[in-house]
Amino acid sequence: MPVSRELRAALILCLIVGVIVGAARSEPPGSTSAAAETAQQAAPKTPDRVLSLVPAAEGGKPPVAEVDKAGTRRLTGRDGATVALTFDDGPHPEQTPQVLRILRQYEIKATFCLVGEMARLYPKLVQEIADEGHRLCDHTVSHDTSLPDRDPGVIDDEIAGTLAAIDDAVPGVAVPFFRAPGGNFAANVNEIAAGHDQVPLGWSVDPGDWRKPGARAIHDYVAEHIHPGAIVLLHDGGGDRAGTVAALPAIIETLRAAGYEFVLPRG
């Protein structure tokens, strides 16, 4: 018996609904829920699969030059399986103290690349960073990522202005390093930094934590790309860095378990 157009449409609709319901039932519980997303962002517990990916402490050859052609330091300059932690874009009133507490807990010294505008706002944090023995790094006043394209006077003002802000917070403190915003180092910028007795400080491991990929992704990237002499780029300011803070203890524990020593870069 021929099926009417209306009945055919009803049957098709029922079929579509059945497929959708079946797909929903087969979907892992909570796969799109906020709880699942939070779990994916959770701090890792130094899993064995990640430890197995970390190169051995002895032997491995660093993948980059210690100092590049523009004069930027890319490795720690220390012998053996060493790693240096660096934190950009602070100080931040909430995240920097959290990072400092973690570093204090693990007895690690790091390098903080400070933005001049933030140093002016939070001088007590600048003093706390210095008092706890961490190195200070000049990250310019305004974090201008186009710094190499600016006039020499503008470049000098950006570098000298941050030095002045730091010195107002901690008179006489050494600021041995300079880091170009966005990693845009160039010979003209490095030359002006050298005029202020600063070594341009780059990095060799960048987990892209500023993209906020989550604590596990940050940790796993560092673990999988670590190498002897690595300088790791992290952020304690410039936005929400909760993932970085959450990942930091696991990063430290993973690298220590793999035989790495935390050091300050050579000037």
Protein backbone atom coordinates (compact mmCIF):
# COMPACT_ATOMS: atom_id res chain seq x y z
CA MET A 1 0.00 0.00 0.00
CA PRO A 2 1.55 3.39 -0.94
CA VAL A 3 2.76 5.53 1.97
CA SER A 4 1.38 9.04 2.15
CA ARG A 5 3.68 12.04 2.06
CA GLU A 6 2.67 12.97 5.63
CA LEU A 7 3.41 9.49 6.98
CA ARG A 8 6.78 9.39 5.19
CA ALA A 9 7.77 12.73 6.78
CA ALA A 10 6.73 11.49 10.21
CA LEU A 11 8.83 8.34 9.83
CA ILE A 12 11.88 10.35 8.77
CA LEU A 13 11.45 12.67 11.75
CA CYS A 14 11.26 9.71 14.14
CA LEU A 15 14.44 8.27 12.63
CA ILE A 16 16.32 11.55 13.09
CA VAL A 17 15.19 11.85 16.71
CA GLY A 18 16.28 8.28 17.37
CA VAL A 19 19.78 8.93 16.00
CA ILE A 20 20.19 12.06 18.12
CA VAL A 21 19.02 10.31 21.28
CA GLY A 22 21.30 7.36 20.62
CA ALA A 23 24.30 9.64 20.10
CA ALA A 24 23.57 11.47 23.31
CA ARG A 25 23.35 8.20 25.23
CA SER A 26 26.65 6.98 23.79
CA GLU A 27 28.46 10.22 24.67
CA PRO A 28 30.80 9.87 27.68
CA PRO A 29 29.14 11.27 30.81
CA GLY A 30 29.96 14.94 31.33
CA SER A 31 32.16 15.16 28.23
CA THR A 32 31.00 18.70 27.49
CA SER A 33 30.30 19.76 31.06
CA ALA A 34 32.17 22.43 32.98
CA ALA A 35 33.32 19.72 35.39
CA ALA A 36 34.98 17.79 32.56
CA GLU A 37 36.67 20.91 31.25
CA THR A 38 37.92 21.68 34.75
CA ALA A 39 39.26 18.14 35.11
CA GLN A 40 41.15 18.50 31.83
CA GLN A 41 42.71 21.69 33.16
CA ALA A 42 43.66 20.10 36.50
CA ALA A 43 47.26 20.06 37.60
CA PRO A 44 49.05 16.85 36.57
CA LYS A 45 50.67 14.45 39.03
CA THR A 46 53.97 13.87 37.19
CA PRO A 47 52.75 10.78 35.27
CA ASP A 48 55.24 8.10 34.25
CA ARG A 49 54.41 8.54 30.57
CA VAL A 50 55.66 12.12 30.74
CA LEU A 51 58.74 11.25 32.77
CA SER A 52 59.71 8.74 30.11
CA LEU A 53 59.75 11.52 27.52
CA VAL A 54 62.22 13.71 29.40
CA PRO A 55 65.71 13.41 27.91
CA ALA A 56 68.37 11.85 30.11
CA ALA A 57 70.27 14.27 32.30
CA GLU A 58 73.58 13.36 30.71
CA GLY A 59 74.49 13.45 27.09
CA GLY A 60 71.70 15.30 25.29
CA LYS A 61 72.77 18.17 23.03
CA PRO A 62 70.87 21.45 23.43
CA PRO A 63 68.86 22.23 20.30
CA VAL A 64 69.74 25.92 20.19
CA ALA A 65 72.83 28.10 20.42
CA GLU A 66 73.76 29.31 23.88
CA VAL A 67 73.83 32.89 22.55
CA ASP A 68 72.29 33.71 19.17
CA LYS A 69 73.59 36.05 16.47
CA ALA A 70 71.79 39.06 17.94
CA GLY A 71 73.51 38.44 21.27
CA THR A 72 70.47 36.98 23.04
CA ARG A 73 71.13 34.30 25.65
CA ARG A 74 68.99 31.23 24.91
CA LEU A 75 70.45 28.70 27.37
CA THR A 76 71.42 28.80 31.04
CA GLY A 77 75.15 28.80 30.35
CA ARG A 78 75.59 26.24 33.13
CA ASP A 79 77.08 22.77 32.80
CA GLY A 80 75.05 19.60 33.10
CA ALA A 81 71.29 19.03 33.20
CA THR A 82 70.26 22.51 34.27
CA VAL A 83 67.04 24.42 33.75
CA ALA A 84 66.08 28.02 34.50
CA LEU A 85 62.52 29.17 35.18
CA THR A 86 61.56 32.66 34.03
CA PHE A 87 58.30 34.54 34.62
CA ASP A 88 57.09 37.41 32.44
CA ASP A 89 54.68 40.36 32.62
CA GLY A 90 54.45 40.81 36.38
CA PRO A 91 54.35 41.66 39.10
CA HIS A 92 50.71 40.70 39.53
CA PRO A 93 48.99 41.28 42.90
CA GLU A 94 47.54 37.77 43.14
CA GLN A 95 49.53 35.49 40.87
CA THR A 96 53.05 36.65 41.68
CA PRO A 97 52.67 35.88 45.42
CA GLN A 98 51.36 32.41 44.49
CA VAL A 99 54.38 31.77 42.28
CA LEU A 100 56.71 33.04 44.99
CA ARG A 101 55.16 30.69 47.56
CA ILE A 102 55.68 27.70 45.29
CA LEU A 103 59.28 28.63 44.55
CA ARG A 104 59.89 29.13 48.27
CA GLN A 105 58.40 25.74 49.03
CA TYR A 106 60.74 24.01 46.56
CA GLU A 107 63.72 26.27 47.38
CA ILE A 108 64.12 27.42 43.79
CA LYS A 109 65.37 30.77 42.50
CA ALA A 110 63.91 32.10 39.26
CA THR A 111 64.09 35.16 37.04
CA PHE A 112 61.20 37.64 36.97
CA CYS A 113 60.91 39.82 33.87
CA LEU A 114 59.03 42.86 35.13
CA VAL A 115 56.92 45.34 33.18
CA GLY A 116 57.68 48.89 34.31
CA GLU A 117 54.03 49.90 34.58
CA MET A 118 53.36 46.96 36.89
CA ALA A 119 56.49 47.61 38.96
CA ARG A 120 55.19 51.14 39.59
CA LEU A 121 51.85 49.77 40.75
CA TYR A 122 53.23 47.04 43.01
CA PRO A 123 56.64 48.11 44.39
CA LYS A 124 56.28 45.90 47.48
CA LEU A 125 56.09 42.83 45.24
CA VAL A 126 59.23 43.94 43.42
CA GLN A 127 60.94 44.19 46.79
CA GLU A 128 59.65 40.75 47.82
CA ILE A 129 60.98 39.19 44.61
CA ALA A 130 64.39 40.73 45.19
CA ASP A 131 64.47 39.96 48.91
CA GLU A 132 63.88 36.27 48.22
CA GLY A 133 66.94 36.10 46.00
CA HIS A 134 65.33 35.93 42.59
CA ARG A 135 66.88 37.67 39.60
CA LEU A 136 65.23 40.73 38.10
CA CYS A 137 64.82 41.29 34.39
CA ASP A 138 63.75 44.43 32.52
CA HIS A 139 60.70 43.74 30.32
CA THR A 140 60.18 47.40 29.26
CA VAL A 141 57.70 49.93 30.56
CA SER A 142 54.73 49.23 28.28
CA HIS A 143 55.46 45.79 26.78
CA ASP A 144 55.67 47.19 23.25
CA THR A 145 56.09 44.16 20.97
CA SER A 146 57.18 46.43 18.10
CA LEU A 147 60.18 47.75 20.02
CA PRO A 148 62.77 47.03 17.28
CA ASP A 149 60.86 49.40 14.96
CA ARG A 150 60.96 52.33 17.38
CA ASP A 151 63.40 55.22 17.41
CA PRO A 152 66.48 54.69 19.60
CA GLY A 153 65.22 57.25 22.09
CA VAL A 154 61.93 55.41 22.53
CA ILE A 155 63.72 52.09 23.01
CA ASP A 156 66.00 53.64 25.61
CA ASP A 157 63.04 55.18 27.46
CA GLU A 158 61.27 51.82 27.59
CA ILE A 159 64.32 50.10 29.07
CA ALA A 160 65.50 52.91 31.34
CA GLY A 161 61.97 53.60 32.58
CA THR A 162 61.62 50.07 33.92
CA LEU A 163 65.03 50.28 35.54
CA ALA A 164 63.94 53.46 37.28
CA ALA A 165 60.70 51.85 38.51
CA ILE A 166 62.61 48.87 39.89
CA ASP A 167 65.22 51.09 41.52
CA ASP A 168 62.50 53.15 43.21
CA ALA A 169 61.10 49.94 44.68
CA VAL A 170 64.44 48.41 45.63
CA PRO A 171 67.21 51.03 45.52
CA GLY A 172 70.48 49.72 44.16
CA VAL A 173 69.19 46.27 43.18
CA ALA A 174 70.87 44.61 40.21
CA VAL A 175 68.84 44.08 37.03
CA PRO A 176 71.22 41.94 34.97
CA PHE A 177 68.80 40.89 32.23
CA PHE A 178 66.59 42.40 29.55
CA ARG A 179 63.79 40.57 27.76
CA ALA A 180 62.22 42.00 24.62
CA PRO A 181 58.40 41.98 24.64
CA GLY A 182 57.06 39.17 22.50
CA GLY A 183 60.59 37.82 22.19
CA ASN A 184 61.25 40.37 19.45
CA PHE A 185 64.96 40.73 20.06
CA ALA A 186 67.02 42.65 17.53
CA ALA A 187 70.55 43.97 17.35
CA ASN A 188 69.47 47.60 17.83
CA VAL A 189 67.42 46.76 20.94
CA ASN A 190 70.09 44.49 22.39
CA GLU A 191 72.72 47.17 21.89
CA ILE A 192 70.73 49.68 23.92
CA ALA A 193 70.10 47.08 26.63
CA ALA A 194 73.84 46.40 26.74
CA GLY A 195 74.35 50.11 27.35
CA HIS A 196 72.42 49.58 30.57
CA ASP A 197 74.61 46.57 31.48
CA GLN A 198 71.84 44.11 30.69
CA VAL A 199 72.15 40.72 28.99
CA PRO A 200 69.30 40.00 26.54
CA LEU A 201 67.56 36.93 27.96
CA GLY A 202 65.60 34.68 25.64
CA TRP A 203 64.38 31.12 26.13
CA SER A 204 64.43 27.67 24.55
CA VAL A 205 61.19 26.14 25.91
CA ASP A 206 57.90 28.00 25.46
CA PRO A 207 54.73 26.12 26.48
CA GLY A 208 52.53 29.01 25.33
CA ASP A 209 50.97 29.40 28.77
CA TRP A 210 49.74 32.87 27.78
CA ARG A 211 47.23 31.11 25.51
CA LYS A 212 45.75 29.50 28.65
CA PRO A 213 45.83 25.88 27.40
CA GLY A 214 45.39 24.51 30.93
CA ALA A 215 47.76 23.23 33.59
CA ARG A 216 48.16 19.75 32.13
CA ALA A 217 49.05 21.03 28.67
CA ILE A 218 51.57 23.50 30.11
CA HIS A 219 53.21 20.81 32.22
CA ASP A 220 53.30 18.22 29.45
CA TYR A 221 54.81 20.62 26.92
CA VAL A 222 57.65 21.56 29.28
CA ALA A 223 58.28 17.91 30.18
CA GLU A 224 58.33 16.79 26.56
CA HIS A 225 60.58 19.62 25.30
CA ILE A 226 63.02 19.95 28.18
CA HIS A 227 66.74 19.64 27.46
CA PRO A 228 69.97 20.37 29.34
CA GLY A 229 70.51 24.11 29.66
CA ALA A 230 66.88 25.00 28.95
CA ILE A 231 65.41 28.38 29.82
CA VAL A 232 61.65 27.98 30.29
CA LEU A 233 59.29 30.86 29.49
CA LEU A 234 56.30 31.17 31.84
CA HIS A 235 54.07 34.07 32.91
CA ASP A 236 52.91 35.36 36.27
CA GLY A 237 51.19 38.43 34.83
CA GLY A 238 49.58 39.83 31.72
CA GLY A 239 46.27 38.02 32.22
CA ASP A 240 44.77 35.00 33.94
CA ARG A 241 47.70 32.69 34.73
CA ALA A 242 45.85 30.21 36.95
CA GLY A 243 46.93 27.37 34.68
CA THR A 244 50.58 28.30 35.05
CA VAL A 245 50.32 28.51 38.82
CA ALA A 246 48.56 25.13 38.95
CA ALA A 247 51.13 23.51 36.66
CA LEU A 248 54.23 24.86 38.41
CA PRO A 249 54.57 22.30 41.26
CA ALA A 250 54.22 19.39 38.84
CA ILE A 251 56.72 20.94 36.43
CA ILE A 252 59.24 21.25 39.24
CA GLU A 253 58.64 17.71 40.52
CA THR A 254 58.78 16.18 37.03
CA LEU A 255 62.06 17.84 36.12
CA ARG A 256 63.66 17.10 39.48
CA ALA A 257 62.66 13.45 39.16
CA ALA A 258 64.36 13.43 35.76
CA GLY A 259 67.60 14.72 37.25
CA TYR A 260 67.43 18.41 36.40
CA GLU A 261 68.89 21.14 38.60
CA PHE A 262 67.18 24.54 38.78
CA VAL A 263 69.61 27.41 38.28
CA LEU A 264 69.74 31.08 37.39
CA PRO A 265 70.97 31.92 33.88
CA ARG A 266 74.52 33.08 33.49
CA GLY A 267 74.84 36.81 32.86
